[in-house]
Amino acid sequence: MSLISIVCVMLISFVAGIEGILDEFEFHQPLISCTLIGLVTGHLKEGIVLGGSLQLIALGWANLGASVAPDVCLASIISAILMVHGLSSDIKTSYVIAFSIAIAIPLSLIGLSLTKMCRNLAVRLVHNMDITYHVARYHVIGICMQGLRVLLPAFILVMIPSTWVCAILNVIPIELFKGLVIGSRVVCVVGFAIVANVLASKQSWPFFIIGFALACIPGIPMIMLCFIGFALMWIVMLQKNAIGSKKENKEDPLGDIIDDYE
């Protein structure tokens, strides 16, 4: 990587770590962070494929009460950097992406431990806020701490020579790479299936069937499918608004009496 690419990757890592807590502009989402790293390193297409695969996996992750979901931010950043290192080898691109997806899952658990550590330290910062009343100062320190938990591992990995990563990839048998490719695709399907299971209802199943049927037709661009889905969503929203307005009119007898006098 060039010096400009390294600086851009560090900036993306820091902002993604902060966004993992702020959750304002969604820079920590895999589809965005992996795409940005692929863009600044000259591997945009591969970054989009990796980010899209990790995004499908992360669709089924959610915080439930005190149970925190695995850290998708660190997983996407580190796996994208590993992918950039691995693409300089002679291994097929699909194998490198499958290897990065496989590495991302244990990395998300490591990131979960790091973010828990940062949140425990943030409790002390809150106590210091109560004592010193320097709210803005400790607020910035707490936010930057979340950015550093992603920046420091990313910096260490960027400084590792690409030849080291390529040497590890060259040792892995081709059969294992083929298994990783199959496993990475299955995991993506499982993430989408969890979301579909949550959203499934009598009203949504017909739209799932229409979408799956259209996706099986060869030659239909993805953009056209998106427009069809947007149009169907628009139609459903219009119907719900019309039904809601009818119910409001029925529940307003005084308004009906006034309308009769008019």
Protein backbone atom coordinates (compact mmCIF):
# COMPACT_ATOMS: atom_id res chain seq x y z
CA MET A 1 0.00 0.00 0.00
CA SER A 2 1.10 3.55 -0.65
CA LEU A 3 1.41 6.13 2.11
CA ILE A 4 -1.82 7.87 1.03
CA SER A 5 -3.70 4.56 1.07
CA ILE A 6 -2.39 3.77 4.57
CA VAL A 7 -3.48 7.18 5.87
CA CYS A 8 -6.94 6.77 4.31
CA VAL A 9 -7.31 3.26 5.78
CA MET A 10 -6.36 4.58 9.22
CA LEU A 11 -8.88 7.40 8.91
CA ILE A 12 -11.63 4.99 7.85
CA SER A 13 -10.77 2.66 10.74
CA PHE A 14 -10.92 5.48 13.29
CA VAL A 15 -14.21 6.86 11.99
CA ALA A 16 -15.73 3.38 11.77
CA GLY A 17 -14.78 2.68 15.39
CA ILE A 18 -16.45 5.91 16.50
CA GLU A 19 -19.53 5.15 14.41
CA GLY A 20 -19.84 1.79 16.12
CA ILE A 21 -21.01 3.76 19.17
CA LEU A 22 -22.52 6.92 17.67
CA ASP A 23 -24.44 5.04 14.95
CA GLU A 24 -25.10 8.23 13.00
CA PHE A 25 -23.74 7.77 9.47
CA GLU A 26 -23.34 3.94 9.49
CA PHE A 27 -19.63 3.98 8.58
CA HIS A 28 -19.17 0.92 10.78
CA GLN A 29 -21.43 -1.21 8.60
CA PRO A 30 -19.44 -3.77 6.54
CA LEU A 31 -20.88 -2.69 3.21
CA ILE A 32 -19.62 0.87 3.74
CA SER A 33 -16.33 0.28 5.55
CA CYS A 34 -15.14 -2.56 3.26
CA THR A 35 -16.15 -0.60 0.18
CA LEU A 36 -14.24 2.47 1.35
CA ILE A 37 -11.12 0.44 2.12
CA GLY A 38 -11.39 -1.24 -1.27
CA LEU A 39 -11.75 2.18 -2.89
CA VAL A 40 -8.67 3.74 -1.29
CA THR A 41 -6.55 0.64 -1.94
CA GLY A 42 -7.57 0.14 -5.57
CA HIS A 43 -9.76 -2.96 -4.98
CA LEU A 44 -13.24 -1.47 -5.13
CA LYS A 45 -14.99 -4.47 -6.68
CA GLU A 46 -13.51 -6.91 -4.16
CA GLY A 47 -14.34 -4.55 -1.30
CA ILE A 48 -17.99 -4.38 -2.35
CA VAL A 49 -18.23 -8.19 -2.60
CA LEU A 50 -16.65 -8.66 0.83
CA GLY A 51 -18.73 -5.90 2.41
CA GLY A 52 -21.95 -7.24 0.93
CA SER A 53 -21.23 -10.76 2.19
CA LEU A 54 -20.41 -9.55 5.70
CA GLN A 55 -23.48 -7.30 5.67
CA LEU A 56 -25.73 -10.27 4.96
CA ILE A 57 -24.14 -12.11 7.89
CA ALA A 58 -24.53 -9.11 10.20
CA LEU A 59 -28.22 -8.72 9.35
CA GLY A 60 -29.03 -11.38 11.92
CA TRP A 61 -26.95 -9.75 14.69
CA ALA A 62 -28.69 -7.50 17.20
CA ASN A 63 -28.29 -6.26 20.76
CA LEU A 64 -30.88 -7.87 23.04
CA GLY A 65 -31.00 -6.24 26.46
CA ALA A 66 -27.64 -6.66 28.17
CA SER A 67 -26.48 -9.13 25.50
CA VAL A 68 -24.25 -7.28 23.02
CA ALA A 69 -23.93 -8.55 19.46
CA PRO A 70 -20.50 -9.36 17.99
CA ASP A 71 -18.53 -6.33 16.84
CA VAL A 72 -19.07 -6.05 13.11
CA CYS A 73 -16.90 -2.93 12.87
CA LEU A 74 -13.54 -4.50 13.78
CA ALA A 75 -14.40 -7.62 11.80
CA SER A 76 -15.09 -5.71 8.60
CA ILE A 77 -12.05 -3.43 8.87
CA ILE A 78 -9.53 -6.17 9.65
CA SER A 79 -10.94 -8.62 7.11
CA ALA A 80 -10.84 -5.94 4.41
CA ILE A 81 -7.17 -5.21 5.17
CA LEU A 82 -6.40 -8.93 5.08
CA MET A 83 -8.16 -9.16 1.73
CA VAL A 84 -6.04 -6.32 0.32
CA HIS A 85 -2.87 -8.11 1.47
CA GLY A 86 -4.07 -11.42 0.08
CA LEU A 87 -4.98 -10.03 -3.34
CA SER A 88 -1.29 -9.46 -4.04
CA SER A 89 -0.78 -13.25 -4.11
CA ASP A 90 -1.50 -15.71 -6.90
CA ILE A 91 -4.54 -17.13 -5.10
CA LYS A 92 -7.91 -16.69 -6.82
CA THR A 93 -9.88 -13.64 -5.73
CA SER A 94 -12.87 -15.72 -4.62
CA TYR A 95 -10.63 -17.78 -2.35
CA VAL A 96 -9.10 -14.67 -0.77
CA ILE A 97 -12.55 -13.19 -0.13
CA ALA A 98 -13.79 -16.48 1.37
CA PHE A 99 -10.74 -16.57 3.65
CA SER A 100 -11.43 -12.99 4.76
CA ILE A 101 -15.06 -13.83 5.55
CA ALA A 102 -13.97 -16.83 7.61
CA ILE A 103 -11.52 -14.68 9.57
CA ALA A 104 -14.16 -11.99 10.16
CA ILE A 105 -16.34 -14.16 12.40
CA PRO A 106 -13.73 -14.82 15.15
CA LEU A 107 -12.53 -11.22 14.77
CA SER A 108 -16.04 -10.02 15.64
CA LEU A 109 -15.79 -11.84 18.98
CA ILE A 110 -12.40 -10.25 19.66
CA GLY A 111 -13.91 -6.87 18.84
CA LEU A 112 -16.74 -7.60 21.26
CA SER A 113 -14.21 -8.08 24.07
CA LEU A 114 -12.46 -4.84 23.13
CA THR A 115 -15.64 -2.80 23.07
CA LYS A 116 -16.67 -4.22 26.47
CA MET A 117 -13.29 -3.12 27.82
CA CYS A 118 -13.78 0.38 26.41
CA ARG A 119 -17.27 0.61 27.90
CA ASN A 120 -15.97 -0.42 31.31
CA LEU A 121 -13.36 2.34 31.07
CA ALA A 122 -16.10 4.75 30.02
CA VAL A 123 -17.80 4.18 33.37
CA ARG A 124 -14.77 5.67 35.10
CA LEU A 125 -14.91 8.63 32.74
CA VAL A 126 -18.52 9.23 33.75
CA HIS A 127 -17.49 9.32 37.41
CA ASN A 128 -14.78 11.83 36.54
CA MET A 129 -17.40 13.93 34.75
CA ASP A 130 -19.47 14.04 37.92
CA ILE A 131 -16.47 15.17 39.96
CA THR A 132 -14.79 17.67 37.63
CA TYR A 133 -17.80 18.80 35.52
CA HIS A 134 -15.60 18.68 32.37
CA VAL A 135 -18.26 16.90 30.36
CA ALA A 136 -17.08 17.82 26.88
CA ARG A 137 -13.48 16.77 27.53
CA TYR A 138 -14.33 13.31 28.83
CA HIS A 139 -16.98 12.87 26.17
CA VAL A 140 -14.34 13.35 23.46
CA ILE A 141 -11.95 11.00 25.28
CA GLY A 142 -14.61 8.27 25.47
CA ILE A 143 -15.50 8.58 21.79
CA CYS A 144 -11.85 8.61 20.67
CA MET A 145 -11.22 5.53 22.81
CA GLN A 146 -13.75 3.62 20.69
CA GLY A 147 -12.00 4.81 17.54
CA LEU A 148 -8.59 3.72 18.82
CA ARG A 149 -9.80 0.19 19.56
CA VAL A 150 -10.22 -0.28 15.80
CA LEU A 151 -7.39 2.01 14.67
CA LEU A 152 -4.58 0.28 16.59
CA PRO A 153 -5.28 -3.30 15.34
CA ALA A 154 -5.75 -1.94 11.82
CA PHE A 155 -2.43 -0.07 11.99
CA ILE A 156 -0.59 -3.18 13.18
CA LEU A 157 -2.08 -5.26 10.38
CA VAL A 158 -1.33 -2.63 7.72
CA MET A 159 2.32 -2.55 8.81
CA ILE A 160 2.63 -6.32 8.34
CA PRO A 161 4.23 -7.09 4.96
CA SER A 162 1.88 -8.53 2.37
CA THR A 163 4.35 -11.36 1.77
CA TRP A 164 3.56 -12.75 5.23
CA VAL A 165 -0.15 -12.97 4.48
CA CYS A 166 0.54 -14.40 1.03
CA ALA A 167 2.80 -17.05 2.55
CA ILE A 168 -0.02 -18.16 4.86
CA LEU A 169 -2.47 -18.30 1.96
CA ASN A 170 -0.08 -20.33 -0.17
CA VAL A 171 0.18 -22.98 2.56
CA ILE A 172 -3.60 -23.52 2.71
CA PRO A 173 -4.76 -26.41 0.45
CA ILE A 174 -7.09 -25.64 -2.45
CA GLU A 175 -9.68 -28.05 -1.04
CA LEU A 176 -9.89 -25.96 2.12
CA PHE A 177 -10.38 -22.81 0.06
CA LYS A 178 -13.25 -24.48 -1.79
CA GLY A 179 -14.83 -25.39 1.53
CA LEU A 180 -14.44 -21.80 2.73
CA VAL A 181 -16.18 -20.54 -0.41
CA ILE A 182 -19.15 -22.83 0.20
CA GLY A 183 -19.23 -22.02 3.90
CA SER A 184 -19.08 -18.27 3.33
CA ARG A 185 -22.08 -18.43 1.02
CA VAL A 186 -24.07 -20.59 3.43
CA VAL A 187 -23.38 -18.23 6.33
CA CYS A 188 -24.65 -15.29 4.27
CA VAL A 189 -27.85 -17.18 3.56
CA VAL A 190 -28.29 -17.96 7.26
CA GLY A 191 -28.02 -14.26 8.16
CA PHE A 192 -30.68 -13.35 5.62
CA ALA A 193 -32.85 -16.27 6.76
CA ILE A 194 -32.82 -14.98 10.36
CA VAL A 195 -34.11 -11.59 9.18
CA ALA A 196 -36.70 -13.22 6.90
CA ASN A 197 -37.90 -15.36 9.81
CA VAL A 198 -38.38 -12.25 11.94
CA LEU A 199 -40.17 -10.31 9.19
CA ALA A 200 -42.24 -13.24 7.94
CA SER A 201 -45.99 -12.75 8.21
CA LYS A 202 -49.12 -13.36 6.18
CA GLN A 203 -48.74 -9.91 4.64
CA SER A 204 -45.02 -10.19 3.75
CA TRP A 205 -44.81 -13.74 2.40
CA PRO A 206 -46.38 -12.89 -0.99
CA PHE A 207 -43.69 -10.26 -1.55
CA PHE A 208 -40.96 -12.74 -0.62
CA ILE A 209 -42.36 -15.17 -3.18
CA ILE A 210 -42.49 -12.47 -5.88
CA GLY A 211 -38.91 -11.44 -5.13
CA PHE A 212 -37.56 -14.99 -5.22
CA ALA A 213 -39.44 -15.72 -8.45
CA LEU A 214 -38.08 -12.60 -10.17
CA ALA A 215 -34.54 -13.35 -8.97
CA CYS A 216 -34.68 -16.76 -10.68
CA ILE A 217 -35.32 -15.17 -14.07
CA PRO A 218 -31.98 -14.82 -15.88
CA GLY A 219 -31.05 -11.47 -17.39
CA ILE A 220 -32.93 -9.21 -14.94
CA PRO A 221 -30.57 -6.53 -13.61
CA MET A 222 -30.33 -5.98 -9.87
CA ILE A 223 -31.31 -2.31 -10.32
CA MET A 224 -34.61 -3.38 -11.91
CA LEU A 225 -35.35 -5.69 -8.97
CA CYS A 226 -34.67 -2.81 -6.57
CA PHE A 227 -37.09 -0.56 -8.45
CA ILE A 228 -39.76 -3.29 -8.43
CA GLY A 229 -39.32 -3.77 -4.68
CA PHE A 230 -39.50 -0.02 -4.09
CA ALA A 231 -42.70 0.21 -6.14
CA LEU A 232 -44.33 -2.65 -4.22
CA MET A 233 -43.34 -1.04 -0.91
CA TRP A 234 -44.84 2.26 -2.08
CA ILE A 235 -48.12 0.56 -3.04
CA VAL A 236 -48.37 -1.13 0.37
CA MET A 237 -47.72 2.17 2.19
CA LEU A 238 -50.41 3.91 0.15
CA GLN A 239 -52.90 1.16 0.94
CA LYS A 240 -52.11 1.31 4.67
CA ASN A 241 -52.57 5.09 4.69
CA ALA A 242 -55.89 4.76 2.88
CA ILE A 243 -57.14 2.13 5.34
CA GLY A 244 -55.98 4.25 8.28
CA SER A 245 -57.80 7.33 7.03
CA LYS A 246 -61.02 5.32 6.56
CA LYS A 247 -60.83 4.04 10.14
CA GLU A 248 -60.34 7.57 11.46
CA ASN A 249 -63.39 8.77 9.57
CA LYS A 250 -65.52 5.92 10.92
CA GLU A 251 -64.45 6.65 14.50
CA ASP A 252 -65.47 10.32 14.28
CA PRO A 253 -69.32 10.47 14.47
CA LEU A 254 -69.27 14.20 15.28
CA GLY A 255 -67.38 14.85 12.08
CA ASP A 256 -70.01 12.90 10.11
CA ILE A 257 -72.78 15.01 11.63
CA ILE A 258 -70.95 18.23 10.73
CA ASP A 259 -70.39 16.95 7.20
CA ASP A 260 -74.13 16.25 6.87
CA TYR A 261 -74.99 19.83 7.89
CA GLU A 262 -72.50 21.19 5.37
